[in-house]
Amino acid sequence: MITFHHLVEQERALAEFWRVLKPGGRLLFAESTKAYIDSWAIRLFFRHPMDVQKTADGYLQMLRGQGFTFDAPDVSLPYLWWSRSGDFGLLERWGLRKPAAVGKRVETLVNVSARKPVIP
């Protein structure tokens, strides 16, 4: 799922994913976060429902709240140059600054391989 940030009723959509996914099945969730969607570059060219945008942690909580399970290896937080509107990662590319570590930066993208548990 990579268009989730366009949906106004995100919880309802997630509930429908849960309903149709068989037990043991996986939901591949790849999404832009509020920090990216709310950046000047994206807002200049695109329109999104801003009141439903979430942080990476917010999306992870929403998935867990629906009942999906995942561990740390199932989550990635890509820090791609084009997702950072401040300087588009140019200072790092030119060697003028090191990128901030996970946990010390505002995440712009979140990928999750979430599993619907098998209930015996």
N, C-alpha and C. Protein backbone atom coordinates (compact mmCIF):
# COMPACT_ATOMS: atom_id res chain seq x y z
N MET A 1 0.85 -1.17 0.00
CA MET A 1 0.00 0.00 0.00
C MET A 1 0.90 1.23 0.00
N ILE A 2 0.86 2.03 -1.04
CA ILE A 2 1.70 3.22 -1.09
C ILE A 2 0.91 4.50 -1.35
N THR A 3 -0.38 4.44 -1.29
CA THR A 3 -1.18 5.63 -1.51
C THR A 3 -2.03 5.97 -0.28
N PHE A 4 -1.70 5.39 0.83
CA PHE A 4 -2.49 5.53 2.04
C PHE A 4 -2.65 7.00 2.45
N HIS A 5 -1.62 7.81 2.23
CA HIS A 5 -1.68 9.21 2.63
C HIS A 5 -2.73 10.00 1.85
N HIS A 6 -3.29 9.44 0.79
CA HIS A 6 -4.36 10.09 0.03
C HIS A 6 -5.74 9.80 0.62
N LEU A 7 -5.83 8.80 1.48
CA LEU A 7 -7.13 8.37 2.02
C LEU A 7 -7.54 9.21 3.22
N VAL A 8 -8.78 9.62 3.23
CA VAL A 8 -9.31 10.39 4.35
C VAL A 8 -9.72 9.44 5.48
N GLU A 9 -10.29 8.30 5.15
CA GLU A 9 -10.75 7.33 6.15
C GLU A 9 -9.73 6.19 6.26
N GLN A 10 -8.56 6.51 6.79
CA GLN A 10 -7.47 5.54 6.85
C GLN A 10 -7.79 4.35 7.75
N GLU A 11 -8.41 4.59 8.90
CA GLU A 11 -8.73 3.48 9.80
C GLU A 11 -9.74 2.53 9.16
N ARG A 12 -10.70 3.09 8.44
CA ARG A 12 -11.69 2.25 7.75
C ARG A 12 -11.03 1.41 6.66
N ALA A 13 -10.13 2.01 5.92
CA ALA A 13 -9.41 1.27 4.87
C ALA A 13 -8.57 0.16 5.49
N LEU A 14 -7.89 0.46 6.59
CA LEU A 14 -7.07 -0.55 7.25
C LEU A 14 -7.92 -1.71 7.77
N ALA A 15 -9.10 -1.40 8.28
CA ALA A 15 -10.02 -2.44 8.74
C ALA A 15 -10.44 -3.33 7.58
N GLU A 16 -10.61 -2.75 6.40
CA GLU A 16 -10.97 -3.55 5.23
C GLU A 16 -9.79 -4.43 4.79
N PHE A 17 -8.57 -3.92 4.85
CA PHE A 17 -7.40 -4.75 4.55
C PHE A 17 -7.37 -5.94 5.50
N TRP A 18 -7.63 -5.69 6.78
CA TRP A 18 -7.65 -6.73 7.80
C TRP A 18 -8.71 -7.78 7.46
N ARG A 19 -9.88 -7.31 7.06
CA ARG A 19 -11.00 -8.21 6.77
C ARG A 19 -10.67 -9.16 5.62
N VAL A 20 -10.08 -8.66 4.54
CA VAL A 20 -9.87 -9.49 3.36
C VAL A 20 -8.56 -10.29 3.39
N LEU A 21 -7.66 -9.95 4.29
CA LEU A 21 -6.39 -10.66 4.37
C LEU A 21 -6.57 -11.95 5.17
N LYS A 22 -6.10 -13.05 4.63
CA LYS A 22 -6.25 -14.31 5.34
C LYS A 22 -5.31 -14.35 6.55
N PRO A 23 -5.65 -15.10 7.60
CA PRO A 23 -4.76 -15.24 8.74
C PRO A 23 -3.39 -15.76 8.29
N GLY A 24 -2.35 -15.12 8.79
CA GLY A 24 -0.99 -15.46 8.38
C GLY A 24 -0.53 -14.65 7.18
N GLY A 25 -1.46 -13.94 6.55
CA GLY A 25 -1.12 -13.13 5.38
C GLY A 25 -0.36 -11.87 5.77
N ARG A 26 0.28 -11.26 4.80
CA ARG A 26 1.10 -10.07 5.04
C ARG A 26 0.55 -8.87 4.30
N LEU A 27 0.60 -7.74 4.97
CA LEU A 27 0.29 -6.44 4.37
C LEU A 27 1.62 -5.72 4.19
N LEU A 28 1.95 -5.37 2.95
CA LEU A 28 3.16 -4.61 2.69
C LEU A 28 2.77 -3.13 2.65
N PHE A 29 3.23 -2.41 3.64
CA PHE A 29 2.83 -1.03 3.85
C PHE A 29 4.05 -0.13 3.64
N ALA A 30 4.01 0.69 2.61
CA ALA A 30 5.10 1.62 2.31
C ALA A 30 4.47 3.00 2.17
N GLU A 31 4.83 3.89 3.06
CA GLU A 31 4.09 5.15 3.12
C GLU A 31 4.97 6.35 3.43
N SER A 32 4.56 7.48 2.88
CA SER A 32 5.18 8.77 3.20
C SER A 32 4.58 9.28 4.50
N THR A 33 5.39 9.93 5.31
CA THR A 33 4.90 10.43 6.59
C THR A 33 4.48 11.90 6.51
N LYS A 34 3.92 12.38 7.60
CA LYS A 34 3.47 13.76 7.67
C LYS A 34 4.61 14.73 7.37
N ALA A 35 5.81 14.44 7.84
CA ALA A 35 6.95 15.33 7.61
C ALA A 35 7.22 15.52 6.12
N TYR A 36 7.06 14.48 5.34
CA TYR A 36 7.28 14.57 3.90
C TYR A 36 6.09 15.23 3.21
N ILE A 37 4.89 14.77 3.52
CA ILE A 37 3.69 15.29 2.86
C ILE A 37 3.50 16.78 3.17
N ASP A 38 3.91 17.20 4.35
CA ASP A 38 3.74 18.60 4.75
C ASP A 38 4.92 19.48 4.33
N SER A 39 5.88 18.95 3.59
CA SER A 39 7.03 19.74 3.17
C SER A 39 6.62 20.73 2.07
N TRP A 40 7.36 21.80 1.97
CA TRP A 40 7.02 22.84 1.00
C TRP A 40 7.03 22.31 -0.43
N ALA A 41 7.96 21.44 -0.76
CA ALA A 41 8.06 20.94 -2.13
C ALA A 41 6.83 20.11 -2.52
N ILE A 42 6.37 19.28 -1.63
CA ILE A 42 5.20 18.45 -1.92
C ILE A 42 3.94 19.30 -1.91
N ARG A 43 3.81 20.19 -0.95
CA ARG A 43 2.61 21.03 -0.89
C ARG A 43 2.52 21.97 -2.09
N LEU A 44 3.64 22.33 -2.66
CA LEU A 44 3.64 23.21 -3.82
C LEU A 44 3.01 22.53 -5.04
N PHE A 45 3.29 21.23 -5.21
CA PHE A 45 2.85 20.53 -6.41
C PHE A 45 1.67 19.59 -6.23
N PHE A 46 1.36 19.20 -5.00
CA PHE A 46 0.32 18.19 -4.78
C PHE A 46 -0.64 18.63 -3.67
N ARG A 47 -1.82 18.02 -3.69
CA ARG A 47 -2.80 18.26 -2.64
C ARG A 47 -3.06 16.95 -1.90
N HIS A 48 -3.03 17.02 -0.58
CA HIS A 48 -3.28 15.85 0.25
C HIS A 48 -4.19 16.26 1.41
N PRO A 49 -4.97 15.33 1.94
CA PRO A 49 -5.76 15.63 3.15
C PRO A 49 -4.83 15.72 4.36
N MET A 50 -4.49 16.92 4.78
CA MET A 50 -3.45 17.13 5.79
C MET A 50 -3.86 16.67 7.19
N ASP A 51 -5.15 16.69 7.50
CA ASP A 51 -5.56 16.34 8.86
C ASP A 51 -5.44 14.86 9.18
N VAL A 52 -5.16 14.00 8.20
CA VAL A 52 -5.03 12.56 8.46
C VAL A 52 -3.59 12.07 8.35
N GLN A 53 -2.66 12.94 8.03
CA GLN A 53 -1.27 12.52 7.88
C GLN A 53 -0.69 12.13 9.24
N LYS A 54 0.17 11.12 9.22
CA LYS A 54 0.74 10.60 10.47
C LYS A 54 2.26 10.54 10.40
N THR A 55 2.87 10.50 11.57
CA THR A 55 4.30 10.26 11.67
C THR A 55 4.55 8.78 11.41
N ALA A 56 5.81 8.40 11.28
CA ALA A 56 6.13 6.97 11.13
C ALA A 56 5.60 6.20 12.33
N ASP A 57 5.84 6.72 13.53
CA ASP A 57 5.33 6.05 14.74
C ASP A 57 3.81 5.98 14.74
N GLY A 58 3.17 7.01 14.23
CA GLY A 58 1.71 7.03 14.16
C GLY A 58 1.18 5.92 13.26
N TYR A 59 1.83 5.71 12.11
CA TYR A 59 1.41 4.62 11.23
C TYR A 59 1.68 3.26 11.87
N LEU A 60 2.80 3.11 12.56
CA LEU A 60 3.10 1.84 13.23
C LEU A 60 2.06 1.56 14.31
N GLN A 61 1.67 2.58 15.06
CA GLN A 61 0.65 2.41 16.11
C GLN A 61 -0.69 2.04 15.48
N MET A 62 -1.02 2.66 14.36
CA MET A 62 -2.29 2.37 13.70
C MET A 62 -2.33 0.91 13.24
N LEU A 63 -1.24 0.42 12.66
CA LEU A 63 -1.18 -0.97 12.22
C LEU A 63 -1.31 -1.92 13.40
N ARG A 64 -0.59 -1.64 14.48
CA ARG A 64 -0.69 -2.49 15.69
C ARG A 64 -2.09 -2.42 16.30
N GLY A 65 -2.68 -1.23 16.28
CA GLY A 65 -4.02 -1.06 16.82
C GLY A 65 -5.06 -1.88 16.08
N GLN A 66 -4.85 -2.10 14.81
CA GLN A 66 -5.76 -2.93 14.02
C GLN A 66 -5.55 -4.41 14.32
N GLY A 67 -4.39 -4.76 14.88
CA GLY A 67 -4.12 -6.16 15.21
C GLY A 67 -2.96 -6.75 14.44
N PHE A 68 -2.40 -6.00 13.50
CA PHE A 68 -1.24 -6.50 12.76
C PHE A 68 -0.04 -6.61 13.68
N THR A 69 0.82 -7.57 13.40
CA THR A 69 2.04 -7.75 14.18
C THR A 69 3.25 -7.60 13.27
N PHE A 70 4.33 -7.12 13.85
CA PHE A 70 5.60 -7.00 13.14
C PHE A 70 6.68 -6.74 14.16
N ASP A 71 7.90 -7.13 13.81
CA ASP A 71 9.06 -6.93 14.66
C ASP A 71 9.98 -5.90 14.01
N ALA A 72 11.01 -5.50 14.71
CA ALA A 72 11.94 -4.50 14.20
C ALA A 72 12.49 -4.84 12.81
N PRO A 73 12.85 -6.10 12.52
CA PRO A 73 13.36 -6.40 11.17
C PRO A 73 12.31 -6.21 10.06
N ASP A 74 11.03 -6.13 10.44
CA ASP A 74 9.95 -5.96 9.46
C ASP A 74 9.70 -4.49 9.13
N VAL A 75 10.43 -3.59 9.76
CA VAL A 75 10.22 -2.16 9.57
C VAL A 75 11.50 -1.53 9.02
N SER A 76 11.35 -0.70 7.99
CA SER A 76 12.49 0.08 7.52
C SER A 76 12.06 1.54 7.43
N LEU A 77 13.01 2.41 7.67
CA LEU A 77 12.77 3.85 7.65
C LEU A 77 13.75 4.49 6.66
N PRO A 78 13.46 4.37 5.36
CA PRO A 78 14.38 4.92 4.36
C PRO A 78 14.54 6.43 4.55
N TYR A 79 15.73 6.90 4.38
CA TYR A 79 16.02 8.33 4.54
C TYR A 79 16.58 8.83 3.21
N LEU A 80 15.74 8.81 2.20
CA LEU A 80 16.14 9.10 0.83
C LEU A 80 16.26 10.61 0.61
N TRP A 81 17.19 10.99 -0.23
CA TRP A 81 17.48 12.41 -0.45
C TRP A 81 16.25 13.18 -0.90
N TRP A 82 15.44 12.60 -1.77
CA TRP A 82 14.30 13.34 -2.30
C TRP A 82 13.17 13.51 -1.28
N SER A 83 13.25 12.81 -0.16
CA SER A 83 12.18 12.92 0.84
C SER A 83 12.46 14.01 1.86
N ARG A 84 13.58 14.69 1.74
CA ARG A 84 13.95 15.73 2.71
C ARG A 84 13.94 17.09 2.01
N SER A 85 12.91 17.86 2.26
CA SER A 85 12.72 19.09 1.50
C SER A 85 13.63 20.23 1.94
N GLY A 86 14.25 20.14 3.10
CA GLY A 86 15.11 21.23 3.55
C GLY A 86 16.24 21.49 2.56
N ASP A 87 16.97 20.44 2.23
CA ASP A 87 18.08 20.60 1.27
C ASP A 87 18.16 19.41 0.30
N PHE A 88 17.12 18.56 0.33
CA PHE A 88 17.07 17.36 -0.50
C PHE A 88 18.31 16.48 -0.32
N GLY A 89 18.89 16.52 0.88
CA GLY A 89 20.03 15.69 1.21
C GLY A 89 21.33 16.11 0.55
N LEU A 90 21.36 17.30 -0.03
CA LEU A 90 22.57 17.73 -0.74
C LEU A 90 23.77 17.92 0.17
N LEU A 91 23.55 18.40 1.40
CA LEU A 91 24.68 18.59 2.31
C LEU A 91 25.36 17.27 2.64
N GLU A 92 24.57 16.19 2.76
CA GLU A 92 25.16 14.87 2.98
C GLU A 92 25.87 14.37 1.72
N ARG A 93 25.25 14.57 0.59
CA ARG A 93 25.85 14.11 -0.68
C ARG A 93 27.18 14.80 -0.95
N TRP A 94 27.31 16.05 -0.54
CA TRP A 94 28.54 16.80 -0.75
C TRP A 94 29.55 16.60 0.39
N GLY A 95 29.17 15.77 1.38
CA GLY A 95 30.07 15.48 2.49
C GLY A 95 30.19 16.60 3.52
N LEU A 96 29.25 17.52 3.52
CA LEU A 96 29.29 18.64 4.45
C LEU A 96 28.59 18.33 5.77
N ARG A 97 27.81 17.27 5.79
CA ARG A 97 27.08 16.90 7.00
C ARG A 97 26.77 15.41 6.94
N LYS A 98 26.77 14.77 8.09
CA LYS A 98 26.37 13.37 8.17
C LYS A 98 24.87 13.31 8.44
N PRO A 99 24.19 12.34 7.85
CA PRO A 99 22.76 12.23 8.14
C PRO A 99 22.52 11.85 9.60
N ALA A 100 21.46 12.34 10.16
CA ALA A 100 21.11 12.02 11.54
C ALA A 100 20.77 10.54 11.65
N ALA A 101 21.03 9.98 12.79
CA ALA A 101 20.76 8.56 13.04
C ALA A 101 19.26 8.33 13.26
N VAL A 102 18.84 7.10 13.03
CA VAL A 102 17.46 6.72 13.33
C VAL A 102 17.19 7.03 14.80
N GLY A 103 16.07 7.63 15.07
CA GLY A 103 15.72 8.02 16.43
C GLY A 103 16.12 9.46 16.74
N LYS A 104 16.97 10.05 15.90
CA LYS A 104 17.40 11.43 16.11
C LYS A 104 17.03 12.30 14.91
N ARG A 105 16.16 11.78 14.07
CA ARG A 105 15.74 12.52 12.88
C ARG A 105 14.23 12.39 12.73
N VAL A 106 13.66 13.25 11.94
CA VAL A 106 12.23 13.17 11.62
C VAL A 106 12.10 12.26 10.40
N GLU A 107 11.45 11.13 10.59
CA GLU A 107 11.33 10.16 9.50
C GLU A 107 10.34 10.65 8.45
N THR A 108 10.70 10.42 7.19
CA THR A 108 9.87 10.86 6.09
C THR A 108 9.17 9.71 5.37
N LEU A 109 9.67 8.50 5.56
CA LEU A 109 9.10 7.32 4.92
C LEU A 109 9.11 6.15 5.91
N VAL A 110 8.11 5.28 5.78
CA VAL A 110 8.06 4.09 6.62
C VAL A 110 7.59 2.91 5.77
N ASN A 111 8.30 1.80 5.88
CA ASN A 111 7.94 0.55 5.20
C ASN A 111 7.76 -0.52 6.26
N VAL A 112 6.68 -1.29 6.12
CA VAL A 112 6.40 -2.34 7.10
C VAL A 112 5.87 -3.58 6.38
N SER A 113 6.36 -4.72 6.79
CA SER A 113 5.77 -5.99 6.38
C SER A 113 5.01 -6.49 7.61
N ALA A 114 3.71 -6.20 7.63
CA ALA A 114 2.87 -6.51 8.80
C ALA A 114 2.12 -7.81 8.55
N ARG A 115 1.96 -8.59 9.60
CA ARG A 115 1.35 -9.91 9.50
C ARG A 115 0.02 -9.94 10.26
N LYS A 116 -0.97 -10.54 9.63
CA LYS A 116 -2.22 -10.81 10.34
C LYS A 116 -2.04 -12.15 11.05
N PRO A 117 -2.09 -12.13 12.39
CA PRO A 117 -1.80 -13.36 13.14
C PRO A 117 -2.78 -14.50 12.82
N VAL A 118 -2.28 -15.70 12.98
CA VAL A 118 -3.12 -16.88 12.87
C VAL A 118 -3.66 -17.16 14.27
N ILE A 119 -4.96 -17.20 14.39
CA ILE A 119 -5.58 -17.46 15.69
C ILE A 119 -6.12 -18.88 15.67
N PRO A 120 -5.55 -19.76 16.54
CA PRO A 120 -5.99 -21.18 16.52
C PRO A 120 -7.42 -21.36 16.99
